[in-house]
Amino acid sequence: MAARPPDDRQARLAKMQAAQKGEERRRSFLVIGIAATLAVVLIGVVVGVIVQSEGQRSEVERAADADIDGVEDLGEQTATHVTTPVEYEVMPPVGGDHLPQWQNCGFYDAPITTEAGVHSLEHGAVWITYDAGLPADEVAELEGLAAENSYLLVSPMADLPSPVVASAWGLQLELDSASDERLRVFLVKYLQGEQTQEPGAACSGGIDTTA
C-alpha cells in the first residue's frame, strides 16, 4: 500500500489538534459557567440572609421607638454612694443609693449584691433578674443575650414579682418568659438608653463577686 503524502499526515494532525483545543475550550467554558452560576446562587443566598436579618432588626427597632406595653416608669431615683445595705422601695430596684463599685455586666448563676447591680443601672445597663426555678432553656437564652450585649447584667433573685424582670434606671418590665418579644425590644430601647445617668461609664472593671 502506498504511503500517505506528508501533507496528509500534517493535515490530519492539525485537525486532531484543533479538535482537542476545541474540546478544551468547551470544558473551560463549562467550568466557568458552573462557577459563575454557583457564585450567583451564593450571592443570592447571602443577600437574602442579610435582608431577612435587617428586616427583623428593623422590626425590633421600630417597636423600640414606641412605648413598650407593660413598662412601668417609677420616676426619679436617688444616686448617692453608700457602704451600708439599702432598703429599696421596689425589688428588683430600678435605682437609688448604691455601692461605689458597680457589678460587671454579664451572666451570673448566683445572686449578686443588689447595691452593686444598681450602680450598673446608673451606667446604662439593663439588669435582667430571673427566678431560680426558671426552665434551663430560658436561663440559657438569657445567658446568650448577656454574651451578645456588653451592658446587660443577668442574675437570679428571690421573691420576684414575675419569673423574669427587666430593669433599667427608673424603668421596669415584668415578664412571664425569657422568650417574650418585649424583652428584646426593651434591650434595644434601654441598653445605654436615654435614661442612663452616666453616659459612657463602663460596665466592666468593677466587681464580679456574688452575694
N, C-alpha and C. Protein backbone atom coordinates (compact mmCIF):
# COMPACT_ATOMS: atom_id res chain seq x y z
N MET A 1 0.86 -1.20 0.00
CA MET A 1 0.00 0.00 0.00
C MET A 1 0.89 1.23 0.00
N ALA A 2 0.51 2.18 -0.81
CA ALA A 2 1.33 3.39 -0.96
C ALA A 2 1.26 4.23 0.29
N ALA A 3 2.37 4.81 0.68
CA ALA A 3 2.41 5.69 1.87
C ALA A 3 1.67 6.98 1.60
N ARG A 4 1.02 7.52 2.69
CA ARG A 4 0.33 8.79 2.54
C ARG A 4 1.35 9.91 2.42
N PRO A 5 1.05 10.85 1.60
CA PRO A 5 1.96 12.00 1.47
C PRO A 5 2.10 12.72 2.81
N PRO A 6 3.24 13.32 3.08
CA PRO A 6 3.46 14.06 4.33
C PRO A 6 2.40 15.11 4.61
N ASP A 7 1.91 15.74 3.54
CA ASP A 7 0.92 16.80 3.72
C ASP A 7 -0.37 16.26 4.32
N ASP A 8 -0.75 14.99 3.95
CA ASP A 8 -1.96 14.40 4.51
C ASP A 8 -1.81 14.16 6.00
N ARG A 9 -0.62 13.64 6.41
CA ARG A 9 -0.40 13.40 7.84
C ARG A 9 -0.43 14.69 8.64
N GLN A 10 0.17 15.72 8.11
CA GLN A 10 0.19 17.01 8.80
C GLN A 10 -1.22 17.60 8.90
N ALA A 11 -1.99 17.37 7.83
CA ALA A 11 -3.36 17.90 7.83
C ALA A 11 -4.20 17.19 8.88
N ARG A 12 -4.03 15.82 8.97
CA ARG A 12 -4.78 15.06 9.97
C ARG A 12 -4.37 15.45 11.39
N LEU A 13 -3.05 15.63 11.57
CA LEU A 13 -2.55 16.03 12.90
C LEU A 13 -3.08 17.40 13.31
N ALA A 14 -3.08 18.31 12.36
CA ALA A 14 -3.60 19.66 12.63
C ALA A 14 -5.08 19.62 12.97
N LYS A 15 -5.85 18.72 12.27
CA LYS A 15 -7.27 18.59 12.52
C LYS A 15 -7.53 18.04 13.91
N MET A 16 -6.70 17.03 14.29
CA MET A 16 -6.85 16.44 15.62
C MET A 16 -6.53 17.45 16.71
N GLN A 17 -5.47 18.23 16.50
CA GLN A 17 -5.09 19.24 17.48
C GLN A 17 -6.16 20.32 17.63
N ALA A 18 -6.75 20.68 16.48
CA ALA A 18 -7.81 21.70 16.52
C ALA A 18 -9.02 21.18 17.28
N ALA A 19 -9.35 19.88 17.04
CA ALA A 19 -10.49 19.28 17.74
C ALA A 19 -10.23 19.22 19.24
N GLN A 20 -8.99 18.89 19.61
CA GLN A 20 -8.63 18.80 21.02
C GLN A 20 -8.72 20.16 21.69
N LYS A 21 -8.23 21.20 20.98
CA LYS A 21 -8.31 22.54 21.55
C LYS A 21 -9.76 23.00 21.70
N GLY A 22 -10.58 22.62 20.72
CA GLY A 22 -11.99 22.98 20.80
C GLY A 22 -12.66 22.33 22.00
N GLU A 23 -12.33 21.05 22.24
CA GLU A 23 -12.89 20.35 23.39
C GLU A 23 -12.43 20.98 24.70
N GLU A 24 -11.15 21.39 24.75
CA GLU A 24 -10.64 22.04 25.96
C GLU A 24 -11.35 23.36 26.21
N ARG A 25 -11.60 24.11 25.11
CA ARG A 25 -12.31 25.38 25.26
C ARG A 25 -13.72 25.16 25.79
N ARG A 26 -14.41 24.12 25.25
CA ARG A 26 -15.76 23.82 25.70
C ARG A 26 -15.78 23.46 27.18
N ARG A 27 -14.77 22.67 27.61
CA ARG A 27 -14.69 22.31 29.02
C ARG A 27 -14.43 23.53 29.89
N SER A 28 -13.56 24.43 29.41
CA SER A 28 -13.26 25.65 30.17
C SER A 28 -14.50 26.51 30.32
N PHE A 29 -15.25 26.65 29.20
CA PHE A 29 -16.48 27.45 29.24
C PHE A 29 -17.50 26.82 30.20
N LEU A 30 -17.55 25.46 30.21
CA LEU A 30 -18.49 24.78 31.09
C LEU A 30 -18.14 25.01 32.55
N VAL A 31 -16.84 24.89 32.87
CA VAL A 31 -16.39 25.11 34.25
C VAL A 31 -16.67 26.54 34.67
N ILE A 32 -16.35 27.49 33.79
CA ILE A 32 -16.59 28.91 34.11
C ILE A 32 -18.08 29.17 34.30
N GLY A 33 -18.89 28.56 33.45
CA GLY A 33 -20.34 28.74 33.56
C GLY A 33 -20.89 28.21 34.86
N ILE A 34 -20.42 27.00 35.25
CA ILE A 34 -20.87 26.42 36.51
C ILE A 34 -20.43 27.28 37.69
N ALA A 35 -19.16 27.73 37.66
CA ALA A 35 -18.65 28.57 38.75
C ALA A 35 -19.43 29.87 38.86
N ALA A 36 -19.74 30.47 37.70
CA ALA A 36 -20.50 31.72 37.71
C ALA A 36 -21.90 31.51 38.27
N THR A 37 -22.53 30.40 37.90
CA THR A 37 -23.87 30.09 38.39
C THR A 37 -23.86 29.90 39.90
N LEU A 38 -22.87 29.14 40.38
CA LEU A 38 -22.76 28.93 41.83
C LEU A 38 -22.52 30.23 42.57
N ALA A 39 -21.70 31.11 41.97
CA ALA A 39 -21.42 32.39 42.60
C ALA A 39 -22.68 33.23 42.70
N VAL A 40 -23.49 33.22 41.64
CA VAL A 40 -24.74 33.99 41.64
C VAL A 40 -25.69 33.45 42.70
N VAL A 41 -25.79 32.11 42.78
CA VAL A 41 -26.66 31.49 43.77
C VAL A 41 -26.19 31.84 45.18
N LEU A 42 -24.87 31.75 45.41
CA LEU A 42 -24.32 32.04 46.74
C LEU A 42 -24.57 33.50 47.12
N ILE A 43 -24.35 34.39 46.18
CA ILE A 43 -24.60 35.82 46.46
C ILE A 43 -26.06 36.04 46.79
N GLY A 44 -26.93 35.35 46.05
CA GLY A 44 -28.36 35.49 46.31
C GLY A 44 -28.73 35.03 47.70
N VAL A 45 -28.14 33.91 48.13
CA VAL A 45 -28.42 33.38 49.47
C VAL A 45 -27.94 34.35 50.54
N VAL A 46 -26.70 34.85 50.37
CA VAL A 46 -26.13 35.78 51.35
C VAL A 46 -26.95 37.05 51.44
N VAL A 47 -27.33 37.60 50.29
CA VAL A 47 -28.15 38.81 50.27
C VAL A 47 -29.49 38.55 50.93
N GLY A 48 -30.08 37.38 50.66
CA GLY A 48 -31.35 37.04 51.28
C GLY A 48 -31.26 36.98 52.78
N VAL A 49 -30.19 36.37 53.29
CA VAL A 49 -30.00 36.28 54.74
C VAL A 49 -29.82 37.67 55.34
N ILE A 50 -29.02 38.50 54.68
CA ILE A 50 -28.78 39.86 55.18
C ILE A 50 -30.07 40.66 55.19
N VAL A 51 -30.83 40.57 54.11
CA VAL A 51 -32.09 41.32 54.02
C VAL A 51 -33.06 40.85 55.09
N GLN A 52 -33.14 39.52 55.30
CA GLN A 52 -34.03 38.99 56.33
C GLN A 52 -33.59 39.47 57.71
N SER A 53 -32.29 39.42 57.97
CA SER A 53 -31.77 39.86 59.27
C SER A 53 -32.03 41.34 59.50
N GLU A 54 -31.78 42.14 58.46
CA GLU A 54 -32.02 43.57 58.58
C GLU A 54 -33.49 43.86 58.81
N GLY A 55 -34.35 43.07 58.14
CA GLY A 55 -35.78 43.27 58.31
C GLY A 55 -36.22 42.98 59.73
N GLN A 56 -35.69 41.88 60.32
CA GLN A 56 -36.02 41.55 61.68
C GLN A 56 -35.49 42.59 62.65
N ARG A 57 -34.25 43.03 62.41
CA ARG A 57 -33.65 44.05 63.29
C ARG A 57 -34.46 45.34 63.22
N SER A 58 -34.87 45.73 62.02
CA SER A 58 -35.62 46.96 61.87
C SER A 58 -36.98 46.85 62.55
N GLU A 59 -37.57 45.66 62.52
CA GLU A 59 -38.86 45.46 63.18
C GLU A 59 -38.74 45.69 64.68
N VAL A 60 -37.67 45.16 65.29
CA VAL A 60 -37.45 45.37 66.72
C VAL A 60 -37.17 46.84 67.01
N GLU A 61 -36.37 47.46 66.15
CA GLU A 61 -36.04 48.87 66.35
C GLU A 61 -37.28 49.75 66.22
N ARG A 62 -38.15 49.40 65.27
CA ARG A 62 -39.39 50.17 65.12
C ARG A 62 -40.25 50.03 66.37
N ALA A 63 -40.29 48.81 66.92
CA ALA A 63 -41.06 48.60 68.14
C ALA A 63 -40.47 49.40 69.30
N ALA A 64 -39.14 49.52 69.32
CA ALA A 64 -38.47 50.25 70.40
C ALA A 64 -38.73 51.75 70.31
N ASP A 65 -39.12 52.23 69.15
CA ASP A 65 -39.42 53.66 69.01
C ASP A 65 -40.73 54.04 69.70
N ALA A 66 -41.58 53.04 69.90
CA ALA A 66 -42.87 53.29 70.55
C ALA A 66 -42.81 52.87 72.01
N ASP A 67 -43.89 53.17 72.74
CA ASP A 67 -43.98 52.73 74.13
C ASP A 67 -44.09 51.20 74.15
N ILE A 68 -43.43 50.59 75.12
CA ILE A 68 -43.46 49.14 75.27
C ILE A 68 -44.54 48.77 76.27
N ASP A 69 -45.46 47.93 75.83
CA ASP A 69 -46.55 47.53 76.70
C ASP A 69 -46.03 46.87 77.98
N GLY A 70 -46.48 47.37 79.12
CA GLY A 70 -46.11 46.77 80.39
C GLY A 70 -44.96 47.45 81.11
N VAL A 71 -44.25 48.35 80.46
CA VAL A 71 -43.13 49.03 81.12
C VAL A 71 -43.67 50.05 82.12
N GLU A 72 -43.17 49.97 83.33
CA GLU A 72 -43.58 50.88 84.38
C GLU A 72 -42.49 51.91 84.64
N ASP A 73 -42.86 53.18 84.58
CA ASP A 73 -41.92 54.27 84.88
C ASP A 73 -42.05 54.59 86.37
N LEU A 74 -40.98 54.34 87.11
CA LEU A 74 -41.00 54.52 88.55
C LEU A 74 -40.42 55.86 89.00
N GLY A 75 -40.18 56.74 88.05
CA GLY A 75 -39.82 58.11 88.38
C GLY A 75 -38.37 58.32 88.78
N GLU A 76 -38.12 59.48 89.35
CA GLU A 76 -36.77 59.87 89.74
C GLU A 76 -36.22 58.96 90.84
N GLN A 77 -34.90 58.74 90.79
CA GLN A 77 -34.24 57.88 91.76
C GLN A 77 -33.05 58.61 92.37
N THR A 78 -32.78 58.35 93.64
CA THR A 78 -31.58 58.90 94.26
C THR A 78 -30.36 58.13 93.74
N ALA A 79 -29.18 58.69 93.94
CA ALA A 79 -27.98 58.05 93.40
C ALA A 79 -26.75 58.32 94.27
N THR A 80 -26.93 58.25 95.56
CA THR A 80 -25.83 58.50 96.49
C THR A 80 -25.02 57.23 96.70
N HIS A 81 -23.69 57.38 96.76
CA HIS A 81 -22.83 56.23 97.05
C HIS A 81 -22.84 55.97 98.56
N VAL A 82 -23.10 54.71 98.91
CA VAL A 82 -23.15 54.32 100.32
C VAL A 82 -22.37 53.02 100.51
N THR A 83 -22.05 52.72 101.73
CA THR A 83 -21.34 51.47 102.02
C THR A 83 -22.15 50.55 102.93
N THR A 84 -23.40 50.91 103.16
CA THR A 84 -24.29 50.11 104.01
C THR A 84 -25.46 49.60 103.16
N PRO A 85 -26.11 48.53 103.61
CA PRO A 85 -27.25 47.99 102.84
C PRO A 85 -28.35 49.03 102.66
N VAL A 86 -29.05 48.93 101.53
CA VAL A 86 -30.12 49.88 101.20
C VAL A 86 -31.45 49.13 101.16
N GLU A 87 -32.48 49.75 101.75
CA GLU A 87 -33.83 49.20 101.65
C GLU A 87 -34.52 49.89 100.47
N TYR A 88 -34.66 49.14 99.38
CA TYR A 88 -35.26 49.71 98.16
C TYR A 88 -36.78 49.62 98.21
N GLU A 89 -37.41 50.60 97.59
CA GLU A 89 -38.88 50.64 97.59
C GLU A 89 -39.46 49.52 96.74
N VAL A 90 -38.76 49.15 95.67
CA VAL A 90 -39.22 48.04 94.83
C VAL A 90 -38.06 47.07 94.66
N MET A 91 -38.42 45.81 94.49
CA MET A 91 -37.43 44.77 94.21
C MET A 91 -37.90 43.96 93.01
N PRO A 92 -37.03 43.84 92.01
CA PRO A 92 -35.67 44.38 91.92
C PRO A 92 -35.71 45.91 91.85
N PRO A 93 -34.68 46.57 92.32
CA PRO A 93 -34.66 48.03 92.29
C PRO A 93 -34.39 48.55 90.88
N VAL A 94 -34.80 49.78 90.67
CA VAL A 94 -34.55 50.42 89.37
C VAL A 94 -33.68 51.66 89.55
N GLY A 95 -33.07 51.80 90.70
CA GLY A 95 -32.25 52.97 91.01
C GLY A 95 -32.20 53.14 92.50
N GLY A 96 -31.59 54.23 92.92
CA GLY A 96 -31.47 54.50 94.34
C GLY A 96 -30.01 54.54 94.78
N ASP A 97 -29.81 54.73 96.04
CA ASP A 97 -28.45 54.75 96.58
C ASP A 97 -27.79 53.38 96.33
N HIS A 98 -26.47 53.40 96.20
CA HIS A 98 -25.79 52.16 95.81
C HIS A 98 -24.33 52.20 96.22
N LEU A 99 -23.67 51.05 96.07
CA LEU A 99 -22.25 50.96 96.38
C LEU A 99 -21.40 51.80 95.43
N PRO A 100 -20.21 52.23 95.87
CA PRO A 100 -19.31 52.93 94.95
C PRO A 100 -18.83 52.03 93.81
N GLN A 101 -18.82 50.70 94.03
CA GLN A 101 -18.39 49.76 92.99
C GLN A 101 -19.62 49.27 92.22
N TRP A 102 -19.47 49.15 90.92
CA TRP A 102 -20.55 48.59 90.10
C TRP A 102 -20.29 47.12 89.83
N GLN A 103 -21.35 46.41 89.54
CA GLN A 103 -21.24 45.00 89.18
C GLN A 103 -20.88 44.88 87.70
N ASN A 104 -19.85 44.09 87.40
CA ASN A 104 -19.52 43.87 85.99
C ASN A 104 -20.69 43.24 85.27
N CYS A 105 -21.02 43.74 84.11
CA CYS A 105 -22.11 43.17 83.34
C CYS A 105 -21.73 41.77 82.87
N GLY A 106 -22.74 40.97 82.59
CA GLY A 106 -22.53 39.59 82.19
C GLY A 106 -23.58 38.70 82.84
N PHE A 107 -23.39 37.40 82.70
CA PHE A 107 -24.34 36.43 83.25
C PHE A 107 -23.82 35.85 84.56
N TYR A 108 -24.70 35.76 85.55
CA TYR A 108 -24.37 35.16 86.85
C TYR A 108 -25.41 34.09 87.17
N ASP A 109 -24.94 32.96 87.68
CA ASP A 109 -25.87 31.90 88.07
C ASP A 109 -26.14 31.89 89.56
N ALA A 110 -25.69 32.94 90.25
CA ALA A 110 -25.96 33.11 91.68
C ALA A 110 -26.29 34.58 91.91
N PRO A 111 -27.06 34.90 92.96
CA PRO A 111 -27.44 36.29 93.22
C PRO A 111 -26.21 37.18 93.43
N ILE A 112 -26.34 38.42 93.05
CA ILE A 112 -25.27 39.39 93.22
C ILE A 112 -25.67 40.39 94.30
N THR A 113 -24.73 41.22 94.69
CA THR A 113 -25.03 42.27 95.67
C THR A 113 -25.91 43.33 95.02
N THR A 114 -27.08 43.51 95.57
CA THR A 114 -28.08 44.39 94.96
C THR A 114 -27.55 45.80 94.75
N GLU A 115 -26.86 46.33 95.76
CA GLU A 115 -26.38 47.71 95.67
C GLU A 115 -25.34 47.89 94.57
N ALA A 116 -24.63 46.82 94.21
CA ALA A 116 -23.67 46.90 93.10
C ALA A 116 -24.40 46.84 91.76
N GLY A 117 -25.46 46.03 91.71
CA GLY A 117 -26.26 45.96 90.48
C GLY A 117 -26.92 47.29 90.17
N VAL A 118 -27.37 48.00 91.19
CA VAL A 118 -27.98 49.32 90.97
C VAL A 118 -26.97 50.29 90.37
N HIS A 119 -25.72 50.21 90.82
CA HIS A 119 -24.69 51.08 90.25
C HIS A 119 -24.54 50.80 88.75
N SER A 120 -24.64 49.55 88.35
CA SER A 120 -24.56 49.21 86.91
C SER A 120 -25.71 49.84 86.14
N LEU A 121 -26.90 49.88 86.75
CA LEU A 121 -28.03 50.55 86.10
C LEU A 121 -27.71 52.02 85.84
N GLU A 122 -27.04 52.63 86.81
CA GLU A 122 -26.67 54.05 86.67
C GLU A 122 -25.77 54.26 85.45
N HIS A 123 -24.99 53.23 85.09
CA HIS A 123 -24.08 53.32 83.95
C HIS A 123 -24.74 52.99 82.61
N GLY A 124 -26.04 52.74 82.65
CA GLY A 124 -26.75 52.47 81.40
C GLY A 124 -27.01 51.00 81.14
N ALA A 125 -26.76 50.16 82.14
CA ALA A 125 -27.02 48.73 81.96
C ALA A 125 -28.50 48.43 82.09
N VAL A 126 -28.89 47.33 81.49
CA VAL A 126 -30.19 46.71 81.78
C VAL A 126 -29.89 45.50 82.66
N TRP A 127 -30.65 45.36 83.74
CA TRP A 127 -30.45 44.26 84.67
C TRP A 127 -31.65 43.32 84.57
N ILE A 128 -31.41 42.12 84.06
CA ILE A 128 -32.45 41.09 83.99
C ILE A 128 -32.28 40.17 85.19
N THR A 129 -33.30 40.12 86.02
CA THR A 129 -33.30 39.18 87.14
C THR A 129 -34.29 38.06 86.81
N TYR A 130 -33.94 36.85 87.22
CA TYR A 130 -34.81 35.71 86.90
C TYR A 130 -34.98 34.81 88.12
N ASP A 131 -36.12 34.15 88.16
CA ASP A 131 -36.41 33.23 89.25
C ASP A 131 -35.53 31.99 89.15
N ALA A 132 -35.08 31.49 90.27
CA ALA A 132 -34.19 30.32 90.27
C ALA A 132 -34.85 29.09 89.66
N GLY A 133 -36.19 29.07 89.64
CA GLY A 133 -36.90 27.94 89.06
C GLY A 133 -37.20 28.09 87.58
N LEU A 134 -36.65 29.13 86.95
CA LEU A 134 -36.88 29.32 85.51
C LEU A 134 -36.33 28.13 84.74
N PRO A 135 -37.06 27.60 83.74
CA PRO A 135 -36.57 26.44 82.98
C PRO A 135 -35.17 26.68 82.43
N ALA A 136 -34.40 25.60 82.35
CA ALA A 136 -32.99 25.69 81.94
C ALA A 136 -32.83 26.30 80.56
N ASP A 137 -33.74 25.99 79.63
CA ASP A 137 -33.60 26.54 78.28
C ASP A 137 -33.80 28.05 78.27
N GLU A 138 -34.66 28.56 79.16
CA GLU A 138 -34.85 30.00 79.24
C GLU A 138 -33.67 30.69 79.91
N VAL A 139 -33.09 30.03 80.90
CA VAL A 139 -31.88 30.57 81.52
C VAL A 139 -30.76 30.64 80.49
N ALA A 140 -30.64 29.61 79.67
CA ALA A 140 -29.63 29.59 78.61
C ALA A 140 -29.88 30.71 77.61
N GLU A 141 -31.14 31.00 77.35
CA GLU A 141 -31.48 32.10 76.44
C GLU A 141 -31.02 33.44 77.02
N LEU A 142 -31.22 33.63 78.30
CA LEU A 142 -30.77 34.86 78.95
C LEU A 142 -29.24 34.95 78.96
N GLU A 143 -28.60 33.81 79.16
CA GLU A 143 -27.13 33.79 79.14
C GLU A 143 -26.62 34.19 77.75
N GLY A 144 -27.31 33.73 76.70
CA GLY A 144 -26.93 34.10 75.34
C GLY A 144 -27.09 35.59 75.10
N LEU A 145 -28.14 36.18 75.63
CA LEU A 145 -28.34 37.62 75.49
C LEU A 145 -27.22 38.39 76.18
N ALA A 146 -26.82 37.92 77.36
CA ALA A 146 -25.73 38.59 78.09
C ALA A 146 -24.43 38.53 77.31
N ALA A 147 -24.21 37.42 76.61
CA ALA A 147 -22.98 37.28 75.82
C ALA A 147 -22.99 38.22 74.62
N GLU A 148 -24.17 38.59 74.16
CA GLU A 148 -24.29 39.44 72.97
C GLU A 148 -24.26 40.93 73.30
N ASN A 149 -24.51 41.29 74.56
CA ASN A 149 -24.66 42.70 74.93
C ASN A 149 -23.76 43.04 76.12
N SER A 150 -22.80 43.90 75.89
CA SER A 150 -21.80 44.20 76.91
C SER A 150 -22.35 45.03 78.07
N TYR A 151 -23.54 45.59 77.93
CA TYR A 151 -24.15 46.36 79.01
C TYR A 151 -25.39 45.67 79.57
N LEU A 152 -25.39 44.32 79.48
CA LEU A 152 -26.50 43.56 80.03
C LEU A 152 -26.02 42.76 81.25
N LEU A 153 -26.74 42.90 82.34
CA LEU A 153 -26.45 42.20 83.58
C LEU A 153 -27.60 41.22 83.84
N VAL A 154 -27.27 39.96 84.05
CA VAL A 154 -28.28 38.92 84.27
C VAL A 154 -27.92 38.14 85.53
N SER A 155 -28.89 38.00 86.45
CA SER A 155 -28.63 37.24 87.68
C SER A 155 -29.95 36.76 88.26
N PRO A 156 -29.91 35.67 89.02
CA PRO A 156 -31.13 35.22 89.70
C PRO A 156 -31.42 36.09 90.92
N MET A 157 -32.69 36.10 91.31
CA MET A 157 -33.09 36.85 92.51
C MET A 157 -34.31 36.17 93.10
N ALA A 158 -34.38 36.13 94.40
CA ALA A 158 -35.52 35.51 95.09
C ALA A 158 -36.69 36.47 95.17
N ASP A 159 -37.89 35.90 95.29
CA ASP A 159 -39.13 36.65 95.56
C ASP A 159 -39.42 37.71 94.49
N LEU A 160 -39.21 37.34 93.24
CA LEU A 160 -39.51 38.26 92.15
C LEU A 160 -41.02 38.35 91.93
N PRO A 161 -41.50 39.48 91.40
CA PRO A 161 -42.93 39.59 91.11
C PRO A 161 -43.36 38.80 89.87
N SER A 162 -42.40 38.34 89.07
CA SER A 162 -42.67 37.54 87.88
C SER A 162 -41.43 36.70 87.59
N PRO A 163 -41.54 35.67 86.76
CA PRO A 163 -40.37 34.81 86.51
C PRO A 163 -39.16 35.54 85.97
N VAL A 164 -39.38 36.58 85.17
CA VAL A 164 -38.29 37.38 84.60
C VAL A 164 -38.65 38.85 84.76
N VAL A 165 -37.69 39.65 85.19
CA VAL A 165 -37.91 41.09 85.32
C VAL A 165 -36.75 41.82 84.67
N ALA A 166 -37.06 42.73 83.76
CA ALA A 166 -36.05 43.57 83.12
C ALA A 166 -36.12 44.97 83.72
N SER A 167 -34.97 45.47 84.18
CA SER A 167 -34.93 46.78 84.83
C SER A 167 -33.89 47.67 84.18
N ALA A 168 -34.23 48.92 84.01
CA ALA A 168 -33.30 49.97 83.63
C ALA A 168 -33.49 51.09 84.65
N TRP A 169 -32.65 52.09 84.61
CA TRP A 169 -32.75 53.14 85.62
C TRP A 169 -34.14 53.80 85.55
N GLY A 170 -34.92 53.60 86.62
CA GLY A 170 -36.25 54.21 86.70
C GLY A 170 -37.34 53.46 85.97
N LEU A 171 -37.02 52.34 85.32
CA LEU A 171 -37.99 51.65 84.46
C LEU A 171 -37.95 50.15 84.72
N GLN A 172 -39.12 49.50 84.57
CA GLN A 172 -39.16 48.06 84.82
C GLN A 172 -40.25 47.38 84.00
N LEU A 173 -39.94 46.13 83.59
CA LEU A 173 -40.88 45.32 82.80
C LEU A 173 -40.92 43.92 83.39
N GLU A 174 -42.09 43.49 83.83
CA GLU A 174 -42.28 42.14 84.36
C GLU A 174 -42.71 41.22 83.23
N LEU A 175 -42.09 40.03 83.17
CA LEU A 175 -42.34 39.09 82.07
C LEU A 175 -42.55 37.69 82.62
N ASP A 176 -43.37 36.93 81.92
CA ASP A 176 -43.61 35.54 82.31
C ASP A 176 -42.58 34.59 81.72
N SER A 177 -41.87 35.05 80.69
CA SER A 177 -40.94 34.16 79.98
C SER A 177 -39.79 34.96 79.40
N ALA A 178 -38.64 34.30 79.29
CA ALA A 178 -37.49 34.93 78.64
C ALA A 178 -37.69 35.05 77.14
N SER A 179 -38.67 34.34 76.60
CA SER A 179 -38.93 34.37 75.16
C SER A 179 -39.90 35.47 74.77
N ASP A 180 -40.42 36.20 75.74
CA ASP A 180 -41.34 37.30 75.43
C ASP A 180 -40.64 38.31 74.52
N GLU A 181 -41.23 38.62 73.38
CA GLU A 181 -40.62 39.51 72.39
C GLU A 181 -40.34 40.89 72.97
N ARG A 182 -41.09 41.29 73.95
CA ARG A 182 -40.89 42.62 74.53
C ARG A 182 -39.53 42.75 75.21
N LEU A 183 -38.95 41.63 75.63
CA LEU A 183 -37.64 41.69 76.28
C LEU A 183 -36.59 42.22 75.31
N ARG A 184 -36.59 41.73 74.07
CA ARG A 184 -35.61 42.20 73.08
C ARG A 184 -35.83 43.67 72.75
N VAL A 185 -37.09 44.06 72.69
CA VAL A 185 -37.40 45.48 72.42
C VAL A 185 -36.91 46.35 73.58
N PHE A 186 -37.10 45.87 74.80
CA PHE A 186 -36.64 46.60 75.99
C PHE A 186 -35.13 46.81 75.93
N LEU A 187 -34.40 45.77 75.51
CA LEU A 187 -32.95 45.90 75.43
C LEU A 187 -32.54 46.92 74.39
N VAL A 188 -33.16 46.88 73.23
CA VAL A 188 -32.83 47.85 72.18
C VAL A 188 -33.09 49.28 72.66
N LYS A 189 -34.18 49.45 73.38
CA LYS A 189 -34.58 50.80 73.79
C LYS A 189 -33.75 51.34 74.95
N TYR A 190 -33.38 50.45 75.90
CA TYR A 190 -32.82 50.95 77.15
C TYR A 190 -31.37 50.58 77.44
N LEU A 191 -30.74 49.68 76.69
CA LEU A 191 -29.31 49.47 76.88
C LEU A 191 -28.58 50.76 76.53
N GLN A 192 -27.98 51.41 77.51
CA GLN A 192 -27.35 52.72 77.33
C GLN A 192 -28.33 53.70 76.69
N GLY A 193 -29.58 53.62 77.10
CA GLY A 193 -30.62 54.48 76.55
C GLY A 193 -30.62 55.87 77.15
N GLU A 194 -31.68 56.60 76.86
CA GLU A 194 -31.78 57.99 77.31
C GLU A 194 -31.87 58.10 78.83
N GLN A 195 -32.27 57.01 79.49
CA GLN A 195 -32.39 57.04 80.95
C GLN A 195 -31.05 56.96 81.66
N THR A 196 -29.97 56.67 80.91
CA THR A 196 -28.65 56.48 81.50
C THR A 196 -28.20 57.72 82.29
N GLN A 197 -27.81 57.52 83.53
CA GLN A 197 -27.39 58.63 84.38
C GLN A 197 -25.95 59.06 84.11
N GLU A 198 -25.11 58.12 83.74
CA GLU A 198 -23.70 58.43 83.48
C GLU A 198 -23.31 57.86 82.11
N PRO A 199 -23.69 58.54 81.03
CA PRO A 199 -23.37 58.05 79.69
C PRO A 199 -21.87 57.84 79.50
N GLY A 200 -21.49 56.73 78.92
CA GLY A 200 -20.08 56.45 78.67
C GLY A 200 -19.38 55.73 79.80
N ALA A 201 -20.04 55.62 80.96
CA ALA A 201 -19.43 54.92 82.09
C ALA A 201 -19.39 53.42 81.78
N ALA A 202 -18.37 52.75 82.30
CA ALA A 202 -18.14 51.34 81.96
C ALA A 202 -19.07 50.41 82.74
N CYS A 203 -19.25 49.21 82.17
CA CYS A 203 -19.92 48.14 82.89
C CYS A 203 -18.97 46.96 83.03
N SER A 204 -17.70 47.26 83.05
CA SER A 204 -16.63 46.29 83.31
C SER A 204 -15.61 47.01 84.18
N GLY A 205 -14.68 46.23 84.74
CA GLY A 205 -13.67 46.84 85.59
C GLY A 205 -14.18 47.11 87.00
N GLY A 206 -15.37 46.58 87.32
CA GLY A 206 -15.91 46.74 88.67
C GLY A 206 -15.70 45.48 89.47
N ILE A 207 -16.75 44.96 90.06
CA ILE A 207 -16.65 43.71 90.83
C ILE A 207 -17.46 42.62 90.13
N ASP A 208 -17.04 41.38 90.33
CA ASP A 208 -17.78 40.26 89.72
C ASP A 208 -18.07 39.17 90.74
N THR A 209 -18.06 39.55 92.01
CA THR A 209 -18.38 38.60 93.07
C THR A 209 -19.88 38.44 93.20
N THR A 210 -20.30 37.32 93.77
CA THR A 210 -21.72 37.10 94.03
C THR A 210 -21.98 37.31 95.51
N ALA A 211 -23.24 37.46 95.85
CA ALA A 211 -23.61 37.78 97.24
C ALA A 211 -23.42 36.58 98.16
